[in-house]
Amino acid sequence: MSDPALDAPVVKAADAPRGAATWPCSACGAAVGLEYDACTQCGTGFLAGADPVVAVDVPLLGPIRPLAVSKGARAWVMIGGGLAVCVVLVIVLSLVGLLL
């Protein structure tokens, strides 16, 4: 299925063969041309099954995906993060002030 010319070693960038621009099918893995909205082999749509909600993993807190649902929860995460940054800055600047 792969083109041997695309797998050949490249000496200069100008020597690199260029293949057609494609997207990988999430169901069958076929390379589908950008001009198609669905896979030509299995019919799966572009980004079919993709999750529209981004999962964010925060250190020490873990994933905050459920918080992405409501705006209020996101606001509390921002407020908590802002307070945490302020506390850390106050401690660091206090220590620097003691050393000077």
PDB file of N, CA and C in Angstrom:
ATOM      1  N   MET A   1       0.815  -1.190   0.000  1.00  0.00           N
ATOM      2  CA  MET A   1       0.000   0.000   0.000  1.00  0.00           C
ATOM      3  C   MET A   1       0.860   1.257   0.000  1.00  0.00           C
ATOM      4  N   SER A   2       2.083   1.191   0.631  1.00  0.00           N
ATOM      5  CA  SER A   2       2.938   2.363   0.647  1.00  0.00           C
ATOM      6  C   SER A   2       3.751   2.427  -0.643  1.00  0.00           C
ATOM      7  N   ASP A   3       4.148   3.635  -0.989  1.00  0.00           N
ATOM      8  CA  ASP A   3       4.923   3.880  -2.202  1.00  0.00           C
ATOM      9  C   ASP A   3       6.410   3.747  -1.852  1.00  0.00           C
ATOM     10  N   PRO A   4       7.166   2.847  -2.517  1.00  0.00           N
ATOM     11  CA  PRO A   4       8.592   2.685  -2.200  1.00  0.00           C
ATOM     12  C   PRO A   4       9.392   3.962  -2.395  1.00  0.00           C
ATOM     13  N   ALA A   5       8.981   4.821  -3.320  1.00  0.00           N
ATOM     14  CA  ALA A   5       9.708   6.075  -3.557  1.00  0.00           C
ATOM     15  C   ALA A   5       9.603   6.994  -2.340  1.00  0.00           C
ATOM     16  N   LEU A   6       8.492   6.915  -1.608  1.00  0.00           N
ATOM     17  CA  LEU A   6       8.328   7.759  -0.428  1.00  0.00           C
ATOM     18  C   LEU A   6       9.134   7.236   0.758  1.00  0.00           C
ATOM     19  N   ASP A   7       9.500   5.935   0.742  1.00  0.00           N
ATOM     20  CA  ASP A   7      10.267   5.338   1.827  1.00  0.00           C
ATOM     21  C   ASP A   7      11.772   5.375   1.581  1.00  0.00           C
ATOM     22  N   ALA A   8      12.214   5.861   0.423  1.00  0.00           N
ATOM     23  CA  ALA A   8      13.635   5.901   0.086  1.00  0.00           C
ATOM     24  C   ALA A   8      14.343   6.958   0.929  1.00  0.00           C
ATOM     25  N   PRO A   9      15.638   6.748   1.249  1.00  0.00           N
ATOM     26  CA  PRO A   9      16.377   7.754   2.023  1.00  0.00           C
ATOM     27  C   PRO A   9      16.499   9.062   1.249  1.00  0.00           C
ATOM     28  N   VAL A  10      16.544  10.155   1.980  1.00  0.00           N
ATOM     29  CA  VAL A  10      16.611  11.483   1.376  1.00  0.00           C
ATOM     30  C   VAL A  10      17.975  12.088   1.681  1.00  0.00           C
ATOM     31  N   VAL A  11      18.649  12.578   0.633  1.00  0.00           N
ATOM     32  CA  VAL A  11      19.949  13.208   0.797  1.00  0.00           C
ATOM     33  C   VAL A  11      19.770  14.710   0.962  1.00  0.00           C
ATOM     34  N   LYS A  12      18.946  15.309   0.146  1.00  0.00           N
ATOM     35  CA  LYS A  12      18.651  16.738   0.216  1.00  0.00           C
ATOM     36  C   LYS A  12      17.139  16.904   0.255  1.00  0.00           C
ATOM     37  N   ALA A  13      16.692  18.009   0.785  1.00  0.00           N
ATOM     38  CA  ALA A  13      15.255  18.258   0.860  1.00  0.00           C
ATOM     39  C   ALA A  13      14.627  18.304  -0.539  1.00  0.00           C
ATOM     40  N   ALA A  14      15.388  18.794  -1.519  1.00  0.00           N
ATOM     41  CA  ALA A  14      14.870  18.875  -2.885  1.00  0.00           C
ATOM     42  C   ALA A  14      14.681  17.489  -3.493  1.00  0.00           C
ATOM     43  N   ASP A  15      15.391  16.473  -2.967  1.00  0.00           N
ATOM     44  CA  ASP A  15      15.280  15.113  -3.488  1.00  0.00           C
ATOM     45  C   ASP A  15      14.086  14.348  -2.914  1.00  0.00           C
ATOM     46  N   ALA A  16      13.472  14.889  -1.899  1.00  0.00           N
ATOM     47  CA  ALA A  16      12.377  14.178  -1.237  1.00  0.00           C
ATOM     48  C   ALA A  16      11.154  14.116  -2.144  1.00  0.00           C
ATOM     49  N   PRO A  17      10.661  12.904  -2.406  1.00  0.00           N
ATOM     50  CA  PRO A  17       9.438  12.813  -3.206  1.00  0.00           C
ATOM     51  C   PRO A  17       8.251  13.291  -2.372  1.00  0.00           C
ATOM     52  N   ARG A  18       7.343  13.902  -3.032  1.00  0.00           N
ATOM     53  CA  ARG A  18       6.179  14.424  -2.333  1.00  0.00           C
ATOM     54  C   ARG A  18       4.947  13.642  -2.768  1.00  0.00           C
ATOM     55  N   GLY A  19       4.258  13.120  -1.778  1.00  0.00           N
ATOM     56  CA  GLY A  19       3.032  12.396  -2.054  1.00  0.00           C
ATOM     57  C   GLY A  19       1.840  13.330  -1.957  1.00  0.00           C
ATOM     58  N   ALA A  20       0.686  12.823  -2.305  1.00  0.00           N
ATOM     59  CA  ALA A  20      -0.535  13.623  -2.225  1.00  0.00           C
ATOM     60  C   ALA A  20      -0.890  13.858  -0.763  1.00  0.00           C
ATOM     61  N   ALA A  21      -1.497  14.996  -0.473  1.00  0.00           N
ATOM     62  CA  ALA A  21      -1.932  15.305   0.890  1.00  0.00           C
ATOM     63  C   ALA A  21      -3.143  14.440   1.226  1.00  0.00           C
ATOM     64  N   THR A  22      -3.059  13.748   2.361  1.00  0.00           N
ATOM     65  CA  THR A  22      -4.131  12.837   2.758  1.00  0.00           C
ATOM     66  C   THR A  22      -4.424  12.969   4.247  1.00  0.00           C
ATOM     67  N   TRP A  23      -5.552  12.391   4.659  1.00  0.00           N
ATOM     68  CA  TRP A  23      -5.874  12.256   6.078  1.00  0.00           C
ATOM     69  C   TRP A  23      -6.106  10.781   6.355  1.00  0.00           C
ATOM     70  N   PRO A  24      -5.707  10.302   7.556  1.00  0.00           N
ATOM     71  CA  PRO A  24      -5.880   8.881   7.870  1.00  0.00           C
ATOM     72  C   PRO A  24      -7.298   8.602   8.352  1.00  0.00           C
ATOM     73  N   CYS A  25      -7.890   7.547   7.825  1.00  0.00           N
ATOM     74  CA  CYS A  25      -9.230   7.140   8.252  1.00  0.00           C
ATOM     75  C   CYS A  25      -9.137   6.583   9.671  1.00  0.00           C
ATOM     76  N   SER A  26     -10.033   7.021  10.551  1.00  0.00           N
ATOM     77  CA  SER A  26      -9.990   6.565  11.947  1.00  0.00           C
ATOM     78  C   SER A  26     -10.496   5.138  12.096  1.00  0.00           C
ATOM     79  N   ALA A  27     -11.214   4.611  11.114  1.00  0.00           N
ATOM     80  CA  ALA A  27     -11.756   3.254  11.212  1.00  0.00           C
ATOM     81  C   ALA A  27     -10.838   2.215  10.575  1.00  0.00           C
ATOM     82  N   CYS A  28     -10.432   2.446   9.326  1.00  0.00           N
ATOM     83  CA  CYS A  28      -9.661   1.423   8.618  1.00  0.00           C
ATOM     84  C   CYS A  28      -8.199   1.805   8.415  1.00  0.00           C
ATOM     85  N   GLY A  29      -7.824   3.064   8.666  1.00  0.00           N
ATOM     86  CA  GLY A  29      -6.445   3.493   8.546  1.00  0.00           C
ATOM     87  C   GLY A  29      -6.006   3.841   7.134  1.00  0.00           C
ATOM     88  N   ALA A  30      -6.912   3.826   6.178  1.00  0.00           N
ATOM     89  CA  ALA A  30      -6.553   4.144   4.798  1.00  0.00           C
ATOM     90  C   ALA A  30      -6.209   5.622   4.654  1.00  0.00           C
ATOM     91  N   ALA A  31      -5.315   5.930   3.729  1.00  0.00           N
ATOM     92  CA  ALA A  31      -4.975   7.313   3.424  1.00  0.00           C
ATOM     93  C   ALA A  31      -5.989   7.840   2.420  1.00  0.00           C
ATOM     94  N   VAL A  32      -6.738   8.867   2.834  1.00  0.00           N
ATOM     95  CA  VAL A  32      -7.817   9.407   2.015  1.00  0.00           C
ATOM     96  C   VAL A  32      -7.441  10.817   1.584  1.00  0.00           C
ATOM     97  N   GLY A  33      -7.656  11.130   0.327  1.00  0.00           N
ATOM     98  CA  GLY A  33      -7.342  12.450  -0.200  1.00  0.00           C
ATOM     99  C   GLY A  33      -8.135  13.539   0.493  1.00  0.00           C
ATOM    100  N   LEU A  34      -7.538  14.734   0.584  1.00  0.00           N
ATOM    101  CA  LEU A  34      -8.199  15.845   1.267  1.00  0.00           C
ATOM    102  C   LEU A  34      -9.474  16.302   0.571  1.00  0.00           C
ATOM    103  N   GLU A  35      -9.651  15.934  -0.665  1.00  0.00           N
ATOM    104  CA  GLU A  35     -10.857  16.351  -1.385  1.00  0.00           C
ATOM    105  C   GLU A  35     -12.083  15.538  -0.991  1.00  0.00           C
ATOM    106  N   TYR A  36     -11.915  14.479  -0.215  1.00  0.00           N
ATOM    107  CA  TYR A  36     -13.033  13.620   0.195  1.00  0.00           C
ATOM    108  C   TYR A  36     -13.441  13.913   1.634  1.00  0.00           C
ATOM    109  N   ASP A  37     -14.751  13.896   1.889  1.00  0.00           N
ATOM    110  CA  ASP A  37     -15.277  14.085   3.238  1.00  0.00           C
ATOM    111  C   ASP A  37     -15.433  12.771   3.984  1.00  0.00           C
ATOM    112  N   ALA A  38     -15.391  11.670   3.260  1.00  0.00           N
ATOM    113  CA  ALA A  38     -15.534  10.346   3.862  1.00  0.00           C
ATOM    114  C   ALA A  38     -14.499   9.410   3.242  1.00  0.00           C
ATOM    115  N   CYS A  39     -14.185   8.353   3.975  1.00  0.00           N
ATOM    116  CA  CYS A  39     -13.207   7.375   3.504  1.00  0.00           C
ATOM    117  C   CYS A  39     -13.735   6.690   2.246  1.00  0.00           C
ATOM    118  N   THR A  40     -12.881   6.553   1.260  1.00  0.00           N
ATOM    119  CA  THR A  40     -13.294   5.920   0.003  1.00  0.00           C
ATOM    120  C   THR A  40     -13.370   4.406   0.131  1.00  0.00           C
ATOM    121  N   GLN A  41     -12.772   3.825   1.191  1.00  0.00           N
ATOM    122  CA  GLN A  41     -12.805   2.378   1.359  1.00  0.00           C
ATOM    123  C   GLN A  41     -13.934   1.913   2.276  1.00  0.00           C
ATOM    124  N   CYS A  42     -14.109   2.597   3.422  1.00  0.00           N
ATOM    125  CA  CYS A  42     -15.114   2.112   4.376  1.00  0.00           C
ATOM    126  C   CYS A  42     -16.276   3.081   4.578  1.00  0.00           C
ATOM    127  N   GLY A  43     -16.162   4.306   4.083  1.00  0.00           N
ATOM    128  CA  GLY A  43     -17.262   5.261   4.182  1.00  0.00           C
ATOM    129  C   GLY A  43     -17.306   6.054   5.478  1.00  0.00           C
ATOM    130  N   THR A  44     -16.334   5.874   6.361  1.00  0.00           N
ATOM    131  CA  THR A  44     -16.313   6.619   7.615  1.00  0.00           C
ATOM    132  C   THR A  44     -16.025   8.083   7.335  1.00  0.00           C
ATOM    133  N   GLY A  45     -16.781   8.983   7.962  1.00  0.00           N
ATOM    134  CA  GLY A  45     -16.609  10.415   7.752  1.00  0.00           C
ATOM    135  C   GLY A  45     -15.334  10.943   8.371  1.00  0.00           C
ATOM    136  N   PHE A  46     -14.906  12.092   7.883  1.00  0.00           N
ATOM    137  CA  PHE A  46     -13.719  12.758   8.405  1.00  0.00           C
ATOM    138  C   PHE A  46     -13.952  13.108   9.864  1.00  0.00           C
ATOM    139  N   LEU A  47     -13.029  12.746  10.733  1.00  0.00           N
ATOM    140  CA  LEU A  47     -13.100  12.952  12.182  1.00  0.00           C
ATOM    141  C   LEU A  47     -14.322  12.296  12.815  1.00  0.00           C
ATOM    142  N   ALA A  48     -14.803  11.212  12.217  1.00  0.00           N
ATOM    143  CA  ALA A  48     -15.929  10.489  12.803  1.00  0.00           C
ATOM    144  C   ALA A  48     -15.497   9.893  14.133  1.00  0.00           C
ATOM    145  N   GLY A  49     -16.286  10.074  15.133  1.00  0.00           N
ATOM    146  CA  GLY A  49     -15.984   9.552  16.451  1.00  0.00           C
ATOM    147  C   GLY A  49     -15.033  10.419  17.256  1.00  0.00           C
ATOM    148  N   ALA A  50     -14.647  11.562  16.718  1.00  0.00           N
ATOM    149  CA  ALA A  50     -13.759  12.454  17.463  1.00  0.00           C
ATOM    150  C   ALA A  50     -14.532  13.081  18.612  1.00  0.00           C
ATOM    151  N   ASP A  51     -13.850  13.266  19.721  1.00  0.00           N
ATOM    152  CA  ASP A  51     -14.481  13.832  20.904  1.00  0.00           C
ATOM    153  C   ASP A  51     -14.403  15.357  20.830  1.00  0.00           C
ATOM    154  N   PRO A  52     -15.539  16.063  20.817  1.00  0.00           N
ATOM    155  CA  PRO A  52     -15.497  17.519  20.690  1.00  0.00           C
ATOM    156  C   PRO A  52     -15.040  18.231  21.955  1.00  0.00           C
ATOM    157  N   VAL A  53     -15.053  17.538  23.105  1.00  0.00           N
ATOM    158  CA  VAL A  53     -14.630  18.154  24.354  1.00  0.00           C
ATOM    159  C   VAL A  53     -13.186  17.766  24.630  1.00  0.00           C
ATOM    160  N   VAL A  54     -12.354  18.740  24.825  1.00  0.00           N
ATOM    161  CA  VAL A  54     -10.940  18.490  25.056  1.00  0.00           C
ATOM    162  C   VAL A  54     -10.745  18.101  26.517  1.00  0.00           C
ATOM    163  N   ALA A  55      -9.997  17.035  26.748  1.00  0.00           N
ATOM    164  CA  ALA A  55      -9.683  16.617  28.102  1.00  0.00           C
ATOM    165  C   ALA A  55      -8.376  17.281  28.523  1.00  0.00           C
ATOM    166  N   VAL A  56      -8.367  17.865  29.709  1.00  0.00           N
ATOM    167  CA  VAL A  56      -7.192  18.548  30.220  1.00  0.00           C
ATOM    168  C   VAL A  56      -6.741  17.832  31.486  1.00  0.00           C
ATOM    169  N   ASP A  57      -5.471  17.440  31.528  1.00  0.00           N
ATOM    170  CA  ASP A  57      -4.910  16.807  32.719  1.00  0.00           C
ATOM    171  C   ASP A  57      -4.071  17.836  33.461  1.00  0.00           C
ATOM    172  N   VAL A  58      -4.518  18.199  34.656  1.00  0.00           N
ATOM    173  CA  VAL A  58      -3.828  19.175  35.476  1.00  0.00           C
ATOM    174  C   VAL A  58      -2.976  18.419  36.496  1.00  0.00           C
ATOM    175  N   PRO A  59      -1.688  18.778  36.629  1.00  0.00           N
ATOM    176  CA  PRO A  59      -0.858  18.101  37.622  1.00  0.00           C
ATOM    177  C   PRO A  59      -1.466  18.222  39.013  1.00  0.00           C
ATOM    178  N   LEU A  60      -1.417  17.154  39.748  1.00  0.00           N
ATOM    179  CA  LEU A  60      -1.930  17.037  41.115  1.00  0.00           C
ATOM    180  C   LEU A  60      -3.456  16.982  41.189  1.00  0.00           C
ATOM    181  N   LEU A  61      -4.157  17.398  40.143  1.00  0.00           N
ATOM    182  CA  LEU A  61      -5.618  17.348  40.150  1.00  0.00           C
ATOM    183  C   LEU A  61      -6.163  16.229  39.276  1.00  0.00           C
ATOM    184  N   GLY A  62      -5.417  15.891  38.238  1.00  0.00           N
ATOM    185  CA  GLY A  62      -5.885  14.875  37.304  1.00  0.00           C
ATOM    186  C   GLY A  62      -6.719  15.497  36.196  1.00  0.00           C
ATOM    187  N   PRO A  63      -7.517  14.674  35.515  1.00  0.00           N
ATOM    188  CA  PRO A  63      -8.316  15.208  34.405  1.00  0.00           C
ATOM    189  C   PRO A  63      -9.447  16.087  34.920  1.00  0.00           C
ATOM    190  N   ILE A  64      -9.649  17.230  34.272  1.00  0.00           N
ATOM    191  CA  ILE A  64     -10.735  18.122  34.654  1.00  0.00           C
ATOM    192  C   ILE A  64     -11.803  18.166  33.564  1.00  0.00           C
ATOM    193  N   ARG A  65     -11.939  17.076  32.836  1.00  0.00           N
ATOM    194  CA  ARG A  65     -12.912  16.998  31.759  1.00  0.00           C
ATOM    195  C   ARG A  65     -14.336  17.281  32.227  1.00  0.00           C
ATOM    196  N   PRO A  66     -14.793  16.725  33.351  1.00  0.00           N
ATOM    197  CA  PRO A  66     -16.164  17.030  33.765  1.00  0.00           C
ATOM    198  C   PRO A  66     -16.381  18.511  34.056  1.00  0.00           C
ATOM    199  N   LEU A  67     -15.318  19.219  34.430  1.00  0.00           N
ATOM    200  CA  LEU A  67     -15.466  20.637  34.720  1.00  0.00           C
ATOM    201  C   LEU A  67     -15.659  21.469  33.458  1.00  0.00           C
ATOM    202  N   ALA A  68     -15.327  20.902  32.305  1.00  0.00           N
ATOM    203  CA  ALA A  68     -15.444  21.655  31.056  1.00  0.00           C
ATOM    204  C   ALA A  68     -16.892  21.795  30.617  1.00  0.00           C
ATOM    205  N   VAL A  69     -17.796  21.120  31.296  1.00  0.00           N
ATOM    206  CA  VAL A  69     -19.198  21.133  30.888  1.00  0.00           C
ATOM    207  C   VAL A  69     -19.863  22.450  31.240  1.00  0.00           C
ATOM    208  N   SER A  70     -19.616  22.972  32.442  1.00  0.00           N
ATOM    209  CA  SER A  70     -20.309  24.202  32.854  1.00  0.00           C
ATOM    210  C   SER A  70     -19.327  25.370  32.937  1.00  0.00           C
ATOM    211  N   LYS A  71     -19.845  26.546  32.651  1.00  0.00           N
ATOM    212  CA  LYS A  71     -19.007  27.743  32.715  1.00  0.00           C
ATOM    213  C   LYS A  71     -18.665  28.084  34.155  1.00  0.00           C
ATOM    214  N   GLY A  72     -19.563  27.803  35.074  1.00  0.00           N
ATOM    215  CA  GLY A  72     -19.293  28.069  36.482  1.00  0.00           C
ATOM    216  C   GLY A  72     -18.123  27.254  36.999  1.00  0.00           C
ATOM    217  N   ALA A  73     -18.061  25.987  36.602  1.00  0.00           N
ATOM    218  CA  ALA A  73     -16.965  25.131  37.032  1.00  0.00           C
ATOM    219  C   ALA A  73     -15.644  25.623  36.457  1.00  0.00           C
ATOM    220  N   ARG A  74     -15.668  26.060  35.205  1.00  0.00           N
ATOM    221  CA  ARG A  74     -14.444  26.589  34.599  1.00  0.00           C
ATOM    222  C   ARG A  74     -13.998  27.864  35.316  1.00  0.00           C
ATOM    223  N   ALA A  75     -14.966  28.700  35.713  1.00  0.00           N
ATOM    224  CA  ALA A  75     -14.630  29.931  36.428  1.00  0.00           C
ATOM    225  C   ALA A  75     -13.968  29.608  37.765  1.00  0.00           C
ATOM    226  N   TRP A  76     -14.478  28.597  38.481  1.00  0.00           N
ATOM    227  CA  TRP A  76     -13.881  28.220  39.758  1.00  0.00           C
ATOM    228  C   TRP A  76     -12.476  27.657  39.576  1.00  0.00           C
ATOM    229  N   VAL A  77     -12.249  26.941  38.497  1.00  0.00           N
ATOM    230  CA  VAL A  77     -10.896  26.441  38.227  1.00  0.00           C
ATOM    231  C   VAL A  77      -9.949  27.613  37.979  1.00  0.00           C
ATOM    232  N   MET A  78     -10.408  28.612  37.229  1.00  0.00           N
ATOM    233  CA  MET A  78      -9.566  29.782  36.971  1.00  0.00           C
ATOM    234  C   MET A  78      -9.313  30.568  38.255  1.00  0.00           C
ATOM    235  N   ILE A  79     -10.340  30.732  39.089  1.00  0.00           N
ATOM    236  CA  ILE A  79     -10.166  31.459  40.349  1.00  0.00           C
ATOM    237  C   ILE A  79      -9.191  30.720  41.257  1.00  0.00           C
ATOM    238  N   GLY A  80      -9.360  29.417  41.378  1.00  0.00           N
ATOM    239  CA  GLY A  80      -8.449  28.627  42.199  1.00  0.00           C
ATOM    240  C   GLY A  80      -7.024  28.674  41.689  1.00  0.00           C
ATOM    241  N   GLY A  81      -6.865  28.593  40.373  1.00  0.00           N
ATOM    242  CA  GLY A  81      -5.525  28.665  39.784  1.00  0.00           C
ATOM    243  C   GLY A  81      -4.889  30.020  40.014  1.00  0.00           C
ATOM    244  N   GLY A  82      -5.689  31.078  39.879  1.00  0.00           N
ATOM    245  CA  GLY A  82      -5.172  32.427  40.121  1.00  0.00           C
ATOM    246  C   GLY A  82      -4.738  32.616  41.563  1.00  0.00           C
ATOM    247  N   LEU A  83      -5.545  32.107  42.500  1.00  0.00           N
ATOM    248  CA  LEU A  83      -5.183  32.205  43.913  1.00  0.00           C
ATOM    249  C   LEU A  83      -3.911  31.406  44.206  1.00  0.00           C
ATOM    250  N   ALA A  84      -3.790  30.226  43.626  1.00  0.00           N
ATOM    251  CA  ALA A  84      -2.601  29.404  43.843  1.00  0.00           C
ATOM    252  C   ALA A  84      -1.355  30.117  43.331  1.00  0.00           C
ATOM    253  N   VAL A  85      -1.447  30.727  42.158  1.00  0.00           N
ATOM    254  CA  VAL A  85      -0.306  31.462  41.608  1.00  0.00           C
ATOM    255  C   VAL A  85       0.029  32.654  42.500  1.00  0.00           C
ATOM    256  N   CYS A  86      -0.969  33.358  43.002  1.00  0.00           N
ATOM    257  CA  CYS A  86      -0.722  34.504  43.889  1.00  0.00           C
ATOM    258  C   CYS A  86      -0.021  34.070  45.171  1.00  0.00           C
ATOM    259  N   VAL A  87      -0.467  32.971  45.759  1.00  0.00           N
ATOM    260  CA  VAL A  87       0.150  32.486  46.996  1.00  0.00           C
ATOM    261  C   VAL A  87       1.607  32.117  46.748  1.00  0.00           C
ATOM    262  N   VAL A  88       1.872  31.423  45.653  1.00  0.00           N
ATOM    263  CA  VAL A  88       3.250  31.039  45.338  1.00  0.00           C
ATOM    264  C   VAL A  88       4.110  32.278  45.121  1.00  0.00           C
ATOM    265  N   LEU A  89       3.590  33.273  44.408  1.00  0.00           N
ATOM    266  CA  LEU A  89       4.364  34.498  44.172  1.00  0.00           C
ATOM    267  C   LEU A  89       4.644  35.242  45.465  1.00  0.00           C
ATOM    268  N   VAL A  90       3.667  35.320  46.360  1.00  0.00           N
ATOM    269  CA  VAL A  90       3.878  36.005  47.637  1.00  0.00           C
ATOM    270  C   VAL A  90       4.958  35.298  48.444  1.00  0.00           C
ATOM    271  N   ILE A  91       4.918  33.978  48.480  1.00  0.00           N
ATOM    272  CA  ILE A  91       5.923  33.230  49.234  1.00  0.00           C
ATOM    273  C   ILE A  91       7.314  33.430  48.626  1.00  0.00           C
ATOM    274  N   VAL A  92       7.421  33.310  47.304  1.00  0.00           N
ATOM    275  CA  VAL A  92       8.718  33.467  46.644  1.00  0.00           C
ATOM    276  C   VAL A  92       9.256  34.882  46.843  1.00  0.00           C
ATOM    277  N   LEU A  93       8.418  35.883  46.651  1.00  0.00           N
ATOM    278  CA  LEU A  93       8.886  37.263  46.801  1.00  0.00           C
ATOM    279  C   LEU A  93       9.223  37.572  48.254  1.00  0.00           C
ATOM    280  N   SER A  94       8.515  36.978  49.205  1.00  0.00           N
ATOM    281  CA  SER A  94       8.847  37.174  50.627  1.00  0.00           C
ATOM    282  C   SER A  94      10.212  36.583  50.946  1.00  0.00           C
ATOM    283  N   LEU A  95      10.473  35.401  50.410  1.00  0.00           N
ATOM    284  CA  LEU A  95      11.780  34.775  50.634  1.00  0.00           C
ATOM    285  C   LEU A  95      12.899  35.589  49.991  1.00  0.00           C
ATOM    286  N   VAL A  96      12.653  36.096  48.788  1.00  0.00           N
ATOM    287  CA  VAL A  96      13.659  36.932  48.132  1.00  0.00           C
ATOM    288  C   VAL A  96      13.891  38.196  48.927  1.00  0.00           C
ATOM    289  N   GLY A  97      12.827  38.786  49.476  1.00  0.00           N
ATOM    290  CA  GLY A  97      12.958  39.991  50.298  1.00  0.00           C
ATOM    291  C   GLY A  97      13.748  39.741  51.561  1.00  0.00           C
ATOM    292  N   LEU A  98      13.605  38.568  52.151  1.00  0.00           N
ATOM    293  CA  LEU A  98      14.371  38.238  53.359  1.00  0.00           C
ATOM    294  C   LEU A  98      15.852  38.062  53.057  1.00  0.00           C
ATOM    295  N   LEU A  99      16.169  37.612  51.856  1.00  0.00           N
ATOM    296  CA  LEU A  99      17.559  37.383  51.493  1.00  0.00           C
ATOM    297  C   LEU A  99      18.286  38.674  51.111  1.00  0.00           C
ATOM    298  N   LEU A 100      17.553  39.690  50.741  1.00  0.00           N
ATOM    299  CA  LEU A 100      18.201  40.938  50.294  1.00  0.00           C
ATOM    300  C   LEU A 100      18.558  41.825  51.441  1.00  0.00           C
TER     301      LEU A 100
END
